[in-house]
């Protein structure tokens, strides 16, 4: 694989950024508004990369019956946008990884299912992420992951063939999307992987346990 891969595309939440504290806070505010207890830590760990719907469905459980999930999601987005970067941080080693890719002349980008307006609000807090050659959000293309369209769009902006790209993400849908796009796939083992998840069953090409391991590809 070394020498074949010419570019890296990254998921955002759970791969480059630890956004769980702020996303959980937004979900917990919605739950509080409806008289429900906050999410458990294991729910936050397992579901942050599944976005608002994943967190809210877990938090509401049976109480979701009769409620409009789209309205709850809008309430979540309001809470999240109001406090989008209180406790969010880069994962350890990300800055060094991105600098290393740049030094080696390896183009990289971000492909996330985070809506564009939220991505646009969050990334300025992390100038190193704004160096991405492409930033593809949930609403950049007509389809979001696990559809391959966002990944293929990212590769086209980088002007690298999909077969020469690797996509790194922390949930099974990221691997599904990479395979559908004919890209190499890798699991970010430091991300939001729940205790009931087994990345070994996702059939990814690689599983990275530490951020810096990615540089071994080049």
C-alpha atoms as a PDB file:
ATOM      1  CA  UNK A   1       0.000   0.000   0.000  1.00  0.00           C
ATOM      2  CA  UNK A   2       2.941   2.310   0.654  1.00  0.00           C
ATOM      3  CA  UNK A   3       3.659   4.252  -2.522  1.00  0.00           C
ATOM      4  CA  UNK A   4       0.156   3.677  -3.868  1.00  0.00           C
ATOM      5  CA  UNK A   5      -1.720   6.133  -1.661  1.00  0.00           C
ATOM      6  CA  UNK A   6      -1.310   9.730  -2.798  1.00  0.00           C
ATOM      7  CA  UNK A   7      -3.875  11.565  -0.619  1.00  0.00           C
ATOM      8  CA  UNK A   8      -5.722  11.294   2.691  1.00  0.00           C
ATOM      9  CA  UNK A   9      -9.329  12.236   3.403  1.00  0.00           C
ATOM     10  CA  UNK A  10     -10.431  12.446   7.017  1.00  0.00           C
ATOM     11  CA  UNK A  11     -13.716  12.310   8.838  1.00  0.00           C
ATOM     12  CA  UNK A  12     -13.989  15.176  11.345  1.00  0.00           C
ATOM     13  CA  UNK A  13     -15.852  14.262  14.551  1.00  0.00           C
ATOM     14  CA  UNK A  14     -14.078  11.415  16.294  1.00  0.00           C
ATOM     15  CA  UNK A  15     -11.168  11.446  13.859  1.00  0.00           C
ATOM     16  CA  UNK A  16      -9.549  14.888  13.853  1.00  0.00           C
ATOM     17  CA  UNK A  17     -11.609  16.604  16.535  1.00  0.00           C
ATOM     18  CA  UNK A  18     -12.948  15.411  19.865  1.00  0.00           C
ATOM     19  CA  UNK A  19     -16.298  17.187  19.663  1.00  0.00           C
ATOM     20  CA  UNK A  20     -18.110  14.830  22.051  1.00  0.00           C
ATOM     21  CA  UNK A  21     -18.292  17.190  25.069  1.00  0.00           C
ATOM     22  CA  UNK A  22     -19.969  19.995  23.140  1.00  0.00           C
ATOM     23  CA  UNK A  23     -22.246  17.726  21.119  1.00  0.00           C
ATOM     24  CA  UNK A  24     -23.298  15.888  24.272  1.00  0.00           C
ATOM     25  CA  UNK A  25     -23.999  19.207  25.962  1.00  0.00           C
ATOM     26  CA  UNK A  26     -26.298  20.207  23.095  1.00  0.00           C
ATOM     27  CA  UNK A  27     -28.129  16.882  23.214  1.00  0.00           C
ATOM     28  CA  UNK A  28     -28.444  17.067  26.987  1.00  0.00           C
ATOM     29  CA  UNK A  29     -29.974  20.532  26.716  1.00  0.00           C
ATOM     30  CA  UNK A  30     -32.659  19.144  24.393  1.00  0.00           C
ATOM     31  CA  UNK A  31     -33.268  16.248  26.772  1.00  0.00           C
ATOM     32  CA  UNK A  32     -33.510  18.681  29.690  1.00  0.00           C
ATOM     33  CA  UNK A  33     -36.054  20.739  27.773  1.00  0.00           C
ATOM     34  CA  UNK A  34     -38.207  17.599  27.630  1.00  0.00           C
ATOM     35  CA  UNK A  35     -37.706  16.590  31.240  1.00  0.00           C
ATOM     36  CA  UNK A  36     -35.362  13.708  30.470  1.00  0.00           C
ATOM     37  CA  UNK A  37     -32.038  12.729  32.099  1.00  0.00           C
ATOM     38  CA  UNK A  38     -28.724  13.392  30.365  1.00  0.00           C
ATOM     39  CA  UNK A  39     -26.945  10.902  28.168  1.00  0.00           C
ATOM     40  CA  UNK A  40     -24.724   8.314  29.797  1.00  0.00           C
ATOM     41  CA  UNK A  41     -20.993   8.554  29.037  1.00  0.00           C
ATOM     42  CA  UNK A  42     -21.061   5.271  27.121  1.00  0.00           C
ATOM     43  CA  UNK A  43     -23.855   6.615  24.901  1.00  0.00           C
ATOM     44  CA  UNK A  44     -21.823   9.728  24.133  1.00  0.00           C
ATOM     45  CA  UNK A  45     -18.758   7.611  23.291  1.00  0.00           C
ATOM     46  CA  UNK A  46     -20.676   5.291  20.991  1.00  0.00           C
ATOM     47  CA  UNK A  47     -22.928   7.776  19.227  1.00  0.00           C
ATOM     48  CA  UNK A  48     -21.261  11.165  18.820  1.00  0.00           C
ATOM     49  CA  UNK A  49     -20.102  10.257  15.307  1.00  0.00           C
ATOM     50  CA  UNK A  50     -23.702   9.363  14.467  1.00  0.00           C
ATOM     51  CA  UNK A  51     -24.603  13.021  14.927  1.00  0.00           C
ATOM     52  CA  UNK A  52     -27.654  14.677  16.412  1.00  0.00           C
ATOM     53  CA  UNK A  53     -30.089  11.939  15.462  1.00  0.00           C
ATOM     54  CA  UNK A  54     -27.950   9.202  16.992  1.00  0.00           C
ATOM     55  CA  UNK A  55     -27.530  11.055  20.272  1.00  0.00           C
ATOM     56  CA  UNK A  56     -31.170  12.116  20.492  1.00  0.00           C
ATOM     57  CA  UNK A  57     -32.578   8.686  19.681  1.00  0.00           C
ATOM     58  CA  UNK A  58     -30.433   7.195  22.427  1.00  0.00           C
ATOM     59  CA  UNK A  59     -31.362   9.880  24.921  1.00  0.00           C
ATOM     60  CA  UNK A  60     -35.087   9.827  24.244  1.00  0.00           C
ATOM     61  CA  UNK A  61     -35.433   6.073  23.895  1.00  0.00           C
ATOM     62  CA  UNK A  62     -39.101   5.111  24.107  1.00  0.00           C
ATOM     63  CA  UNK A  63     -39.974   8.744  24.896  1.00  0.00           C
ATOM     64  CA  UNK A  64     -39.227   9.531  21.244  1.00  0.00           C
ATOM     65  CA  UNK A  65     -42.565   8.025  20.235  1.00  0.00           C
ATOM     66  CA  UNK A  66     -44.915  10.733  19.000  1.00  0.00           C
ATOM     67  CA  UNK A  67     -42.161  13.336  18.759  1.00  0.00           C
ATOM     68  CA  UNK A  68     -40.799  14.864  15.563  1.00  0.00           C
ATOM     69  CA  UNK A  69     -37.117  13.903  15.296  1.00  0.00           C
ATOM     70  CA  UNK A  70     -36.504  16.678  12.747  1.00  0.00           C
ATOM     71  CA  UNK A  71     -37.774  19.299  15.187  1.00  0.00           C
ATOM     72  CA  UNK A  72     -35.638  17.829  17.962  1.00  0.00           C
ATOM     73  CA  UNK A  73     -32.629  17.913  15.636  1.00  0.00           C
ATOM     74  CA  UNK A  74     -33.224  21.604  14.907  1.00  0.00           C
ATOM     75  CA  UNK A  75     -33.329  22.286  18.655  1.00  0.00           C
ATOM     76  CA  UNK A  76     -30.059  20.365  19.012  1.00  0.00           C
ATOM     77  CA  UNK A  77     -28.453  22.425  16.246  1.00  0.00           C
ATOM     78  CA  UNK A  78     -29.528  25.657  17.954  1.00  0.00           C
ATOM     79  CA  UNK A  79     -27.975  24.575  21.250  1.00  0.00           C
ATOM     80  CA  UNK A  80     -24.834  23.293  19.533  1.00  0.00           C
ATOM     81  CA  UNK A  81     -24.325  26.414  17.421  1.00  0.00           C
ATOM     82  CA  UNK A  82     -24.642  28.566  20.553  1.00  0.00           C
ATOM     83  CA  UNK A  83     -21.758  26.738  22.283  1.00  0.00           C
ATOM     84  CA  UNK A  84     -19.925  25.015  19.456  1.00  0.00           C
ATOM     85  CA  UNK A  85     -16.381  25.117  20.802  1.00  0.00           C
ATOM     86  CA  UNK A  86     -16.277  25.169  24.576  1.00  0.00           C
ATOM     87  CA  UNK A  87     -14.585  21.832  25.218  1.00  0.00           C
ATOM     88  CA  UNK A  88     -13.815  20.623  21.675  1.00  0.00           C
ATOM     89  CA  UNK A  89     -10.150  19.863  20.997  1.00  0.00           C
ATOM     90  CA  UNK A  90      -7.857  18.351  18.392  1.00  0.00           C
ATOM     91  CA  UNK A  91      -6.928  14.787  19.182  1.00  0.00           C
ATOM     92  CA  UNK A  92      -3.361  14.408  20.396  1.00  0.00           C
ATOM     93  CA  UNK A  93      -0.993  14.059  17.475  1.00  0.00           C
ATOM     94  CA  UNK A  94      -3.262  15.569  14.817  1.00  0.00           C
ATOM     95  CA  UNK A  95      -1.238  18.747  14.452  1.00  0.00           C
ATOM     96  CA  UNK A  96       1.957  16.747  14.030  1.00  0.00           C
ATOM     97  CA  UNK A  97       0.238  14.428  11.545  1.00  0.00           C
ATOM     98  CA  UNK A  98      -0.998  17.262   9.365  1.00  0.00           C
ATOM     99  CA  UNK A  99       2.382  18.965   9.443  1.00  0.00           C
ATOM    100  CA  UNK A 100       4.000  15.672   8.492  1.00  0.00           C
ATOM    101  CA  UNK A 101       1.659  15.197   5.531  1.00  0.00           C
ATOM    102  CA  UNK A 102       2.388  18.727   4.356  1.00  0.00           C
ATOM    103  CA  UNK A 103       6.143  18.196   4.661  1.00  0.00           C
ATOM    104  CA  UNK A 104       5.830  15.053   2.547  1.00  0.00           C
ATOM    105  CA  UNK A 105       3.708  16.857  -0.038  1.00  0.00           C
ATOM    106  CA  UNK A 106       0.675  14.645   0.600  1.00  0.00           C
ATOM    107  CA  UNK A 107      -2.622  16.474  -0.051  1.00  0.00           C
ATOM    108  CA  UNK A 108      -5.347  15.945   2.519  1.00  0.00           C
ATOM    109  CA  UNK A 109      -8.921  16.977   3.050  1.00  0.00           C
ATOM    110  CA  UNK A 110     -11.949  16.625   5.300  1.00  0.00           C
ATOM    111  CA  UNK A 111     -15.178  14.811   4.452  1.00  0.00           C
ATOM    112  CA  UNK A 112     -17.739  15.107   7.229  1.00  0.00           C
ATOM    113  CA  UNK A 113     -21.450  14.585   7.772  1.00  0.00           C
ATOM    114  CA  UNK A 114     -21.505  17.763   9.837  1.00  0.00           C
ATOM    115  CA  UNK A 115     -23.701  20.419   8.173  1.00  0.00           C
ATOM    116  CA  UNK A 116     -21.782  23.090   6.325  1.00  0.00           C
ATOM    117  CA  UNK A 117     -22.875  25.991   8.512  1.00  0.00           C
ATOM    118  CA  UNK A 118     -21.664  24.220  11.664  1.00  0.00           C
ATOM    119  CA  UNK A 119     -18.398  23.150  10.049  1.00  0.00           C
ATOM    120  CA  UNK A 120     -17.879  26.743   8.969  1.00  0.00           C
ATOM    121  CA  UNK A 121     -18.431  27.924  12.543  1.00  0.00           C
ATOM    122  CA  UNK A 122     -16.167  25.319  14.138  1.00  0.00           C
ATOM    123  CA  UNK A 123     -13.080  25.085  11.942  1.00  0.00           C
ATOM    124  CA  UNK A 124     -11.850  28.677  12.462  1.00  0.00           C
ATOM    125  CA  UNK A 125     -11.107  27.655  16.061  1.00  0.00           C
ATOM    126  CA  UNK A 126      -8.545  25.241  14.585  1.00  0.00           C
ATOM    127  CA  UNK A 127      -6.493  27.072  11.920  1.00  0.00           C
ATOM    128  CA  UNK A 128      -4.527  23.923  11.132  1.00  0.00           C
ATOM    129  CA  UNK A 129      -7.711  22.283   9.830  1.00  0.00           C
ATOM    130  CA  UNK A 130      -8.383  25.224   7.529  1.00  0.00           C
ATOM    131  CA  UNK A 131      -5.255  24.156   5.633  1.00  0.00           C
ATOM    132  CA  UNK A 132      -7.244  21.233   4.199  1.00  0.00           C
ATOM    133  CA  UNK A 133      -7.222  21.228   0.397  1.00  0.00           C
ATOM    134  CA  UNK A 134     -10.931  20.357   0.411  1.00  0.00           C
ATOM    135  CA  UNK A 135     -13.685  20.431   3.033  1.00  0.00           C
ATOM    136  CA  UNK A 136     -16.782  18.439   2.106  1.00  0.00           C
ATOM    137  CA  UNK A 137     -19.799  18.666   4.408  1.00  0.00           C
ATOM    138  CA  UNK A 138     -23.099  16.815   4.703  1.00  0.00           C
ATOM    139  CA  UNK A 139     -24.801  19.268   2.357  1.00  0.00           C
ATOM    140  CA  UNK A 140     -21.965  19.806  -0.143  1.00  0.00           C
ATOM    141  CA  UNK A 141     -23.260  17.038  -2.397  1.00  0.00           C
ATOM    142  CA  UNK A 142     -26.826  15.709  -2.791  1.00  0.00           C
ATOM    143  CA  UNK A 143     -25.927  12.703  -0.629  1.00  0.00           C
ATOM    144  CA  UNK A 144     -24.163  12.332   2.714  1.00  0.00           C
ATOM    145  CA  UNK A 145     -22.080   9.377   3.868  1.00  0.00           C
ATOM    146  CA  UNK A 146     -22.313   6.391   3.630  1.00  0.00           C
ATOM    147  CA  UNK A 147     -23.043   7.347   0.013  1.00  0.00           C
ATOM    148  CA  UNK A 148     -19.728   7.633  -1.861  1.00  0.00           C
ATOM    149  CA  UNK A 149     -20.568  11.023  -3.437  1.00  0.00           C
ATOM    150  CA  UNK A 150     -18.904  13.196  -0.755  1.00  0.00           C
ATOM    151  CA  UNK A 151     -15.696  11.161  -0.860  1.00  0.00           C
ATOM    152  CA  UNK A 152     -15.602  11.190  -4.656  1.00  0.00           C
ATOM    153  CA  UNK A 153     -16.154  14.949  -4.621  1.00  0.00           C
ATOM    154  CA  UNK A 154     -13.254  15.371  -2.206  1.00  0.00           C
ATOM    155  CA  UNK A 155     -10.966  13.269  -4.395  1.00  0.00           C
ATOM    156  CA  UNK A 156     -11.936  15.256  -7.475  1.00  0.00           C
ATOM    157  CA  UNK A 157     -11.043  18.539  -5.754  1.00  0.00           C
ATOM    158  CA  UNK A 158      -7.667  17.057  -4.787  1.00  0.00           C
ATOM    159  CA  UNK A 159      -7.279  15.850  -8.388  1.00  0.00           C
ATOM    160  CA  UNK A 160      -6.299  12.404  -7.106  1.00  0.00           C
ATOM    161  CA  UNK A 161      -7.903   9.196  -8.364  1.00  0.00           C
ATOM    162  CA  UNK A 162     -10.155   7.594  -5.717  1.00  0.00           C
ATOM    163  CA  UNK A 163      -8.089   4.413  -5.952  1.00  0.00           C
ATOM    164  CA  UNK A 164      -5.082   6.409  -4.727  1.00  0.00           C
ATOM    165  CA  UNK A 165      -6.892   7.900  -1.718  1.00  0.00           C
ATOM    166  CA  UNK A 166      -7.422   6.585   1.775  1.00  0.00           C
ATOM    167  CA  UNK A 167     -10.373   7.627   3.922  1.00  0.00           C
ATOM    168  CA  UNK A 168      -9.959   7.592   7.705  1.00  0.00           C
ATOM    169  CA  UNK A 169     -13.037   7.524   9.947  1.00  0.00           C
ATOM    170  CA  UNK A 170     -14.282   6.091  13.212  1.00  0.00           C
ATOM    171  CA  UNK A 171     -17.621   4.428  12.378  1.00  0.00           C
ATOM    172  CA  UNK A 172     -18.601   1.574  10.108  1.00  0.00           C
ATOM    173  CA  UNK A 173     -20.436   3.898   7.697  1.00  0.00           C
ATOM    174  CA  UNK A 174     -17.101   5.609   7.000  1.00  0.00           C
ATOM    175  CA  UNK A 175     -15.682   2.295   5.868  1.00  0.00           C
ATOM    176  CA  UNK A 176     -18.799   1.563   3.803  1.00  0.00           C
ATOM    177  CA  UNK A 177     -18.458   4.953   2.097  1.00  0.00           C
ATOM    178  CA  UNK A 178     -14.759   4.416   1.354  1.00  0.00           C
ATOM    179  CA  UNK A 179     -15.381   1.019  -0.185  1.00  0.00           C
ATOM    180  CA  UNK A 180     -18.242   2.396  -2.296  1.00  0.00           C
ATOM    181  CA  UNK A 181     -15.902   5.134  -3.527  1.00  0.00           C
ATOM    182  CA  UNK A 182     -13.175   2.568  -4.388  1.00  0.00           C
ATOM    183  CA  UNK A 183     -10.849   4.114  -1.815  1.00  0.00           C
ATOM    184  CA  UNK A 184      -8.654   2.474   0.760  1.00  0.00           C
ATOM    185  CA  UNK A 185     -10.272   2.600   4.193  1.00  0.00           C
ATOM    186  CA  UNK A 186      -8.897   2.981   7.697  1.00  0.00           C
ATOM    187  CA  UNK A 187     -10.450   3.027  11.160  1.00  0.00           C
ATOM    188  CA  UNK A 188      -9.492   5.825  13.557  1.00  0.00           C
ATOM    189  CA  UNK A 189      -9.211   3.587  16.587  1.00  0.00           C
ATOM    190  CA  UNK A 190      -8.966   6.541  18.964  1.00  0.00           C
ATOM    191  CA  UNK A 191     -12.416   7.829  17.965  1.00  0.00           C
ATOM    192  CA  UNK A 192     -15.990   7.275  19.093  1.00  0.00           C
ATOM    193  CA  UNK A 193     -16.093   3.508  19.004  1.00  0.00           C
ATOM    194  CA  UNK A 194     -18.677   2.054  21.374  1.00  0.00           C
ATOM    195  CA  UNK A 195     -18.027  -0.942  23.595  1.00  0.00           C
ATOM    196  CA  UNK A 196     -20.349  -3.043  21.427  1.00  0.00           C
ATOM    197  CA  UNK A 197     -18.564  -2.080  18.203  1.00  0.00           C
ATOM    198  CA  UNK A 198     -15.943  -4.370  16.705  1.00  0.00           C
ATOM    199  CA  UNK A 199     -13.953  -2.529  14.006  1.00  0.00           C
ATOM    200  CA  UNK A 200     -12.344  -5.822  13.027  1.00  0.00           C
ATOM    201  CA  UNK A 201     -15.709  -6.792  11.528  1.00  0.00           C
ATOM    202  CA  UNK A 202     -15.939  -3.652   9.376  1.00  0.00           C
ATOM    203  CA  UNK A 203     -13.508  -5.044   6.787  1.00  0.00           C
ATOM    204  CA  UNK A 204     -11.413  -1.904   6.685  1.00  0.00           C
ATOM    205  CA  UNK A 205      -8.030  -2.078   5.004  1.00  0.00           C
ATOM    206  CA  UNK A 206      -6.301  -0.732   8.102  1.00  0.00           C
ATOM    207  CA  UNK A 207      -6.992   0.014  11.754  1.00  0.00           C
ATOM    208  CA  UNK A 208      -4.892   2.768  13.285  1.00  0.00           C
ATOM    209  CA  UNK A 209      -4.666   2.868  17.068  1.00  0.00           C
ATOM    210  CA  UNK A 210      -2.724   6.125  17.197  1.00  0.00           C
ATOM    211  CA  UNK A 211      -2.910   9.223  15.032  1.00  0.00           C
ATOM    212  CA  UNK A 212       0.796   9.247  14.193  1.00  0.00           C
ATOM    213  CA  UNK A 213       0.603   5.748  12.666  1.00  0.00           C
ATOM    214  CA  UNK A 214      -0.951   7.271   9.555  1.00  0.00           C
ATOM    215  CA  UNK A 215       2.391   8.775   8.544  1.00  0.00           C
ATOM    216  CA  UNK A 216       3.787   5.257   8.149  1.00  0.00           C
ATOM    217  CA  UNK A 217       1.880   5.080   4.848  1.00  0.00           C
ATOM    218  CA  UNK A 218       4.260   7.584   3.244  1.00  0.00           C
END
